[in-house]
């Protein structure tokens, strides 16, 4: 089984999870819980599984955000809503969003099959060196199949994400440099990345200068041959670190889940559950 399969499966599981970042129901749910603003909802919602952690823990585990952006939301969020209340709001918002986008398909057999397969895959992930995955793996499983599938996709997503952070560290990239290199490779525009991660023009230009000094970028801000090779190595390492659940599911199981997810994602894409391009960097399903 190849690491390309891990990337292929990422493109169909990540969008189902990602409704938690883009659906308007999420802002409503977080507001009702007492949180103030969309970014507070994001940082608290994703971080709540770890408990009422400090800004430094969020900065370290999320990795790609400017620390000032995190500190505008954390730890204030925990004074407005406990982590338990935030998690309840998060699941409530996801429930409402998926029911709206999936309509009658939310109770369909294809979704139940997908939930079972994705949960089976996620059950083989290991927690060593993967703090966000480990925190979410301790959460109880929801009973409704559409939420069970979302929980499984969330686990697979955080498992991959933790591995990606390890790959960035191995490549010697900080959070801003990682985004500069991604943008230089043509994957996501700078205008979509920098403001969504809190990096100023000065931050971005300084990171680009550091990458140019390492030979990753040319004087026009494009990837050099060395930079492109290193970027490819980084992404291949990410895929390798994410391959365990898909190796366990097997090629036939992956093919079946992939086909199911393509159909499940159609109404989500039609409802702009995840726009393309997006600051996450996930491409359209392949």
Protein backbone atom coordinates (compact mmCIF):
# COMPACT_ATOMS: atom_id res chain seq x y z
CA UNK A 1 0.00 0.00 0.00
CA UNK A 2 1.42 3.39 -0.96
CA UNK A 3 1.53 6.70 0.85
CA UNK A 4 -0.42 8.10 -2.11
CA UNK A 5 -3.44 6.19 -0.78
CA UNK A 6 -3.16 8.03 2.54
CA UNK A 7 -3.35 11.32 0.66
CA UNK A 8 -6.23 10.08 -1.47
CA UNK A 9 -8.19 9.11 1.63
CA UNK A 10 -7.38 12.47 3.24
CA UNK A 11 -9.12 14.27 0.39
CA UNK A 12 -12.42 12.47 1.14
CA UNK A 13 -12.34 12.36 4.94
CA UNK A 14 -11.01 15.85 5.69
CA UNK A 15 -13.94 17.69 4.02
CA UNK A 16 -16.47 15.85 6.17
CA UNK A 17 -14.62 16.88 9.31
CA UNK A 18 -14.04 20.43 8.07
CA UNK A 19 -17.69 21.49 8.18
CA UNK A 20 -16.85 22.30 11.82
CA UNK A 21 -14.76 25.24 10.58
CA UNK A 22 -16.98 26.69 7.87
CA UNK A 23 -20.65 25.96 8.65
CA UNK A 24 -22.62 28.94 10.04
CA UNK A 25 -24.23 26.63 12.60
CA UNK A 26 -20.91 26.50 14.42
CA UNK A 27 -20.86 30.21 15.19
CA UNK A 28 -24.43 29.97 16.51
CA UNK A 29 -23.56 27.00 18.74
CA UNK A 30 -20.42 28.63 20.14
CA UNK A 31 -22.22 31.93 20.73
CA UNK A 32 -24.92 30.12 22.70
CA UNK A 33 -22.20 28.49 24.80
CA UNK A 34 -20.91 31.95 25.71
CA UNK A 35 -17.85 32.21 23.47
CA UNK A 36 -17.03 35.53 21.82
CA UNK A 37 -16.26 35.48 18.12
CA UNK A 38 -15.48 32.92 15.47
CA UNK A 39 -11.80 32.50 16.24
CA UNK A 40 -12.47 31.96 19.92
CA UNK A 41 -14.85 29.22 18.84
CA UNK A 42 -12.19 27.69 16.61
CA UNK A 43 -9.37 27.64 19.16
CA UNK A 44 -11.57 26.58 22.06
CA UNK A 45 -13.57 24.10 19.98
CA UNK A 46 -10.55 22.24 18.65
CA UNK A 47 -8.55 22.59 21.84
CA UNK A 48 -11.28 21.69 24.37
CA UNK A 49 -10.55 17.97 24.10
CA UNK A 50 -7.23 18.71 25.84
CA UNK A 51 -8.98 20.53 28.69
CA UNK A 52 -8.60 24.18 29.75
CA UNK A 53 -5.08 24.37 28.38
CA UNK A 54 -2.90 27.47 28.19
CA UNK A 55 -2.28 29.52 25.04
CA UNK A 56 1.19 27.99 24.79
CA UNK A 57 -0.26 24.49 24.49
CA UNK A 58 -2.59 25.62 21.70
CA UNK A 59 0.27 27.38 19.89
CA UNK A 60 2.46 24.29 20.17
CA UNK A 61 -0.12 21.71 19.13
CA UNK A 62 -1.86 23.73 16.39
CA UNK A 63 1.60 24.95 15.27
CA UNK A 64 0.75 27.21 12.32
CA UNK A 65 -0.91 30.19 14.05
CA UNK A 66 0.73 33.37 15.23
CA UNK A 67 0.87 33.22 19.05
CA UNK A 68 -0.82 36.63 19.35
CA UNK A 69 -3.82 35.30 17.44
CA UNK A 70 -4.18 32.42 19.87
CA UNK A 71 -3.75 34.62 22.94
CA UNK A 72 -6.63 36.84 21.85
CA UNK A 73 -8.91 33.84 22.41
CA UNK A 74 -7.22 31.61 24.98
CA UNK A 75 -7.39 31.47 28.02
CA UNK A 76 -10.35 33.92 28.00
CA UNK A 77 -12.51 31.26 26.33
CA UNK A 78 -12.38 29.06 29.43
CA UNK A 79 -13.81 31.87 31.55
CA UNK A 80 -16.88 31.99 29.29
CA UNK A 81 -17.42 28.24 28.83
CA UNK A 82 -15.84 25.12 30.29
CA UNK A 83 -14.16 22.68 27.90
CA UNK A 84 -17.07 20.27 28.49
CA UNK A 85 -19.58 22.95 27.48
CA UNK A 86 -17.51 23.86 24.43
CA UNK A 87 -17.39 20.23 23.31
CA UNK A 88 -21.16 19.97 23.68
CA UNK A 89 -21.59 23.10 21.58
CA UNK A 90 -19.16 21.80 18.96
CA UNK A 91 -21.04 18.55 18.50
CA UNK A 92 -24.39 20.35 18.52
CA UNK A 93 -23.23 22.68 15.77
CA UNK A 94 -21.84 19.83 13.67
CA UNK A 95 -25.09 17.91 14.12
CA UNK A 96 -27.17 20.84 12.88
CA UNK A 97 -24.82 21.58 9.98
CA UNK A 98 -24.67 18.00 8.71
CA UNK A 99 -28.43 17.52 9.01
CA UNK A 100 -28.96 20.65 6.92
CA UNK A 101 -26.45 19.73 4.24
CA UNK A 102 -27.15 16.00 4.02
CA UNK A 103 -30.95 16.23 4.36
CA UNK A 104 -32.56 12.77 3.98
CA UNK A 105 -29.17 11.15 3.31
CA UNK A 106 -28.26 11.68 6.96
CA UNK A 107 -30.17 8.47 7.79
CA UNK A 108 -29.07 6.52 4.73
CA UNK A 109 -27.32 3.17 4.65
CA UNK A 110 -24.29 4.52 2.72
CA UNK A 111 -23.55 6.89 5.59
CA UNK A 112 -23.85 4.04 8.11
CA UNK A 113 -21.42 1.95 6.06
CA UNK A 114 -18.98 4.84 5.81
CA UNK A 115 -19.17 5.45 9.56
CA UNK A 116 -18.35 1.81 10.30
CA UNK A 117 -15.39 1.76 7.91
CA UNK A 118 -13.95 5.08 9.05
CA UNK A 119 -14.32 4.09 12.70
CA UNK A 120 -12.57 0.80 12.02
CA UNK A 121 -9.69 2.68 10.38
CA UNK A 122 -9.42 5.25 13.16
CA UNK A 123 -9.37 2.51 15.79
CA UNK A 124 -5.85 1.48 14.76
CA UNK A 125 -4.29 4.92 15.20
CA UNK A 126 -1.76 5.15 18.02
CA UNK A 127 -1.34 8.13 20.33
CA UNK A 128 2.42 8.32 20.86
CA UNK A 129 3.65 11.79 19.86
CA UNK A 130 0.15 12.81 18.71
CA UNK A 131 -1.39 15.08 21.35
CA UNK A 132 -4.44 16.31 19.43
CA UNK A 133 -5.31 12.83 18.25
CA UNK A 134 -4.87 11.42 21.76
CA UNK A 135 -7.11 14.06 23.31
CA UNK A 136 -9.90 13.45 20.78
CA UNK A 137 -9.54 9.68 21.06
CA UNK A 138 -10.58 9.94 24.71
CA UNK A 139 -13.92 11.52 23.82
CA UNK A 140 -17.05 9.34 23.84
CA UNK A 141 -18.45 8.17 20.53
CA UNK A 142 -21.75 9.75 19.48
CA UNK A 143 -24.52 7.31 18.60
CA UNK A 144 -25.95 8.93 15.47
CA UNK A 145 -24.18 7.56 12.36
CA UNK A 146 -23.57 10.98 10.80
CA UNK A 147 -21.85 12.08 14.00
CA UNK A 148 -20.02 8.78 14.38
CA UNK A 149 -18.61 9.36 10.89
CA UNK A 150 -17.66 12.90 11.82
CA UNK A 151 -15.89 11.71 14.97
CA UNK A 152 -13.96 9.09 12.98
CA UNK A 153 -12.95 11.65 10.36
CA UNK A 154 -11.89 13.99 13.16
CA UNK A 155 -9.64 11.32 14.67
CA UNK A 156 -8.13 10.53 11.27
CA UNK A 157 -7.64 14.23 10.66
CA UNK A 158 -5.89 14.95 13.95
CA UNK A 159 -3.78 11.81 13.61
CA UNK A 160 -2.57 13.05 10.23
CA UNK A 161 -2.19 16.60 11.49
CA UNK A 162 0.02 15.59 14.40
CA UNK A 163 2.21 13.68 11.98
CA UNK A 164 2.36 16.69 9.68
CA UNK A 165 3.67 18.81 12.55
CA UNK A 166 6.39 16.21 13.10
CA UNK A 167 7.25 16.45 9.40
CA UNK A 168 7.48 20.24 9.60
CA UNK A 169 9.79 19.96 12.60
CA UNK A 170 11.97 17.44 10.78
CA UNK A 171 12.18 19.85 7.84
CA UNK A 172 13.15 22.71 10.16
CA UNK A 173 10.12 24.85 9.30
CA UNK A 174 8.30 27.08 11.75
CA UNK A 175 4.60 27.85 11.36
CA UNK A 176 4.95 30.87 9.12
CA UNK A 177 7.70 29.31 6.97
CA UNK A 178 5.47 26.28 6.40
CA UNK A 179 2.77 28.49 4.92
CA UNK A 180 5.19 30.52 2.82
CA UNK A 181 6.54 27.30 1.31
CA UNK A 182 3.02 26.00 0.69
CA UNK A 183 2.01 29.21 -1.03
CA UNK A 184 5.20 29.29 -3.09
CA UNK A 185 4.34 25.83 -4.33
CA UNK A 186 1.05 27.12 -5.71
CA UNK A 187 -1.14 25.08 -3.36
CA UNK A 188 -2.91 27.90 -1.51
CA UNK A 189 -2.71 31.66 -2.23
CA UNK A 190 -0.89 33.87 0.26
CA UNK A 191 -4.01 36.04 0.61
CA UNK A 192 -5.93 33.01 1.87
CA UNK A 193 -3.23 31.76 4.22
CA UNK A 194 -1.63 34.73 5.95
CA UNK A 195 -4.73 36.42 7.44
CA UNK A 196 -6.26 33.08 8.48
CA UNK A 197 -3.16 32.27 10.50
CA UNK A 198 -2.45 35.74 11.89
CA UNK A 199 0.81 36.38 10.02
CA UNK A 200 1.49 40.02 9.06
CA UNK A 201 3.22 41.08 5.85
CA UNK A 202 6.37 41.64 7.89
CA UNK A 203 6.16 38.14 9.36
CA UNK A 204 5.59 36.63 5.92
CA UNK A 205 8.42 38.53 4.22
CA UNK A 206 10.85 37.64 7.02
CA UNK A 207 9.93 33.96 6.70
CA UNK A 208 10.39 34.15 2.93
CA UNK A 209 13.83 35.69 3.43
CA UNK A 210 14.80 32.84 5.75
CA UNK A 211 13.67 30.27 3.17
CA UNK A 212 15.56 32.09 0.44
CA UNK A 213 18.65 31.95 2.64
CA UNK A 214 18.19 28.17 2.94
CA UNK A 215 17.89 27.80 -0.83
CA UNK A 216 14.19 26.91 -0.81
CA UNK A 217 12.99 30.09 -2.57
CA UNK A 218 14.43 32.17 -5.40
CA UNK A 219 14.50 35.97 -5.41
CA UNK A 220 11.01 36.01 -6.95
CA UNK A 221 9.53 34.03 -4.05
CA UNK A 222 9.07 30.81 -6.04
CA UNK A 223 10.26 27.39 -4.95
CA UNK A 224 13.69 26.45 -6.21
CA UNK A 225 14.43 22.91 -7.34
CA UNK A 226 15.78 22.21 -3.86
CA UNK A 227 12.72 23.76 -2.25
CA UNK A 228 10.34 21.72 -4.39
CA UNK A 229 12.25 18.54 -3.55
CA UNK A 230 12.15 19.32 0.17
CA UNK A 231 8.44 20.16 0.02
CA UNK A 232 7.73 16.86 -1.72
CA UNK A 233 9.75 15.01 0.92
CA UNK A 234 7.83 16.74 3.70
CA UNK A 235 4.47 15.80 2.21
CA UNK A 236 5.59 12.23 1.52
CA UNK A 237 6.69 11.93 5.14
CA UNK A 238 3.28 13.23 6.24
CA UNK A 239 1.56 10.59 4.12
CA UNK A 240 3.79 7.85 5.50
CA UNK A 241 3.01 8.88 9.08
CA UNK A 242 -0.72 8.87 8.24
CA UNK A 243 -0.72 5.47 6.51
CA UNK A 244 -1.38 3.10 9.43
CA UNK A 245 -5.21 3.32 9.54
CA UNK A 246 -5.45 2.88 5.77
CA UNK A 247 -3.05 -0.06 5.77
CA UNK A 248 -5.29 -1.66 8.38
CA UNK A 249 -8.46 -1.04 6.41
CA UNK A 250 -6.91 -2.57 3.31
CA UNK A 251 -7.18 -1.57 -0.33
CA UNK A 252 -10.69 -2.95 -0.79
CA UNK A 253 -11.96 -1.26 2.35
CA UNK A 254 -10.33 2.02 1.35
CA UNK A 255 -11.80 1.85 -2.15
CA UNK A 256 -15.26 1.21 -0.73
CA UNK A 257 -15.00 4.03 1.81
CA UNK A 258 -13.64 6.36 -0.86
CA UNK A 259 -16.59 5.68 -3.15
CA UNK A 260 -19.07 6.14 -0.30
CA UNK A 261 -17.47 9.41 0.76
CA UNK A 262 -17.54 10.85 -2.74
CA UNK A 263 -21.33 10.50 -2.77
CA UNK A 264 -21.70 11.74 0.81
CA UNK A 265 -19.61 14.82 0.07
CA UNK A 266 -21.65 15.92 -2.97
CA UNK A 267 -24.35 17.79 -1.01
CA UNK A 268 -21.73 19.12 1.41
CA UNK A 269 -19.74 20.57 -1.49
CA UNK A 270 -22.92 22.00 -3.03
CA UNK A 271 -23.65 23.73 0.29
CA UNK A 272 -20.09 25.13 0.50
CA UNK A 273 -19.35 23.00 3.55
CA UNK A 274 -15.69 23.38 2.56
CA UNK A 275 -14.65 25.94 -0.06
CA UNK A 276 -11.87 25.28 -2.58
CA UNK A 277 -9.19 26.57 -2.30
CA UNK A 278 -9.17 26.68 1.48
CA UNK A 279 -6.70 27.63 4.21
CA UNK A 280 -6.49 23.99 5.29
CA UNK A 281 -4.79 23.14 2.02
CA UNK A 282 -6.90 20.09 1.23
CA UNK A 283 -7.62 19.79 -2.52
CA UNK A 284 -10.90 18.60 -4.06
CA UNK A 285 -11.49 14.85 -3.58
CA UNK A 286 -9.53 12.59 -5.93
